[in-house]
Amino acid sequence: MGLISKLLGQNQDKEPSGLSIGGSISLGYKPTPKENIYAHQFSCMNRDEDCTFCKRLDGTVIAPDDPIIKHLMSDKDPDEQHPFGYRTETFQRLCSCKVCGCIWVDILKDEEIPPPIEMPEDLRDEILKATEQKS
């Protein structure tokens, strides 16, 4: 039996156990302590099927105390929503990926050369406008 089969809990005689690889990975996830975070950086998978919003947000670095972050990242535990992304209603409204695999990456304060914190104003305006819309 191969490694993936073992992770999925299957062999030739059985069906998959129902636990996804992403779910397995998130079981061992421990959130970074907030006091250690310099910023959050969005990382788009850059696949053909990724939406324009995610591709535009790719590489954006946001300070953890920037008010815009509450519209993009939830403070809920990762296993309660997307295991790697903390999706909010606003983010879900803007993202049109069929299956979004993009992630938020915590950049720690001890990075040797941290990236500059920046977000294009037109992107910020689009996010704020989406927060005003009703689902």
Foldseek 3Di string as FASTA:
>chain_A
DDPLCVVQVHDPVDDGPPQDPLNVVLVPDDDDPPVFFQWKAKAFPPDPQWDPLSVLSHGATAGPPPVLVVLAAPPDRLVVDPSFARGDPLNVVVTPRPDGPMHIDTDTPPDPDDDDHDDDPVSSVSSVVSVPDDD
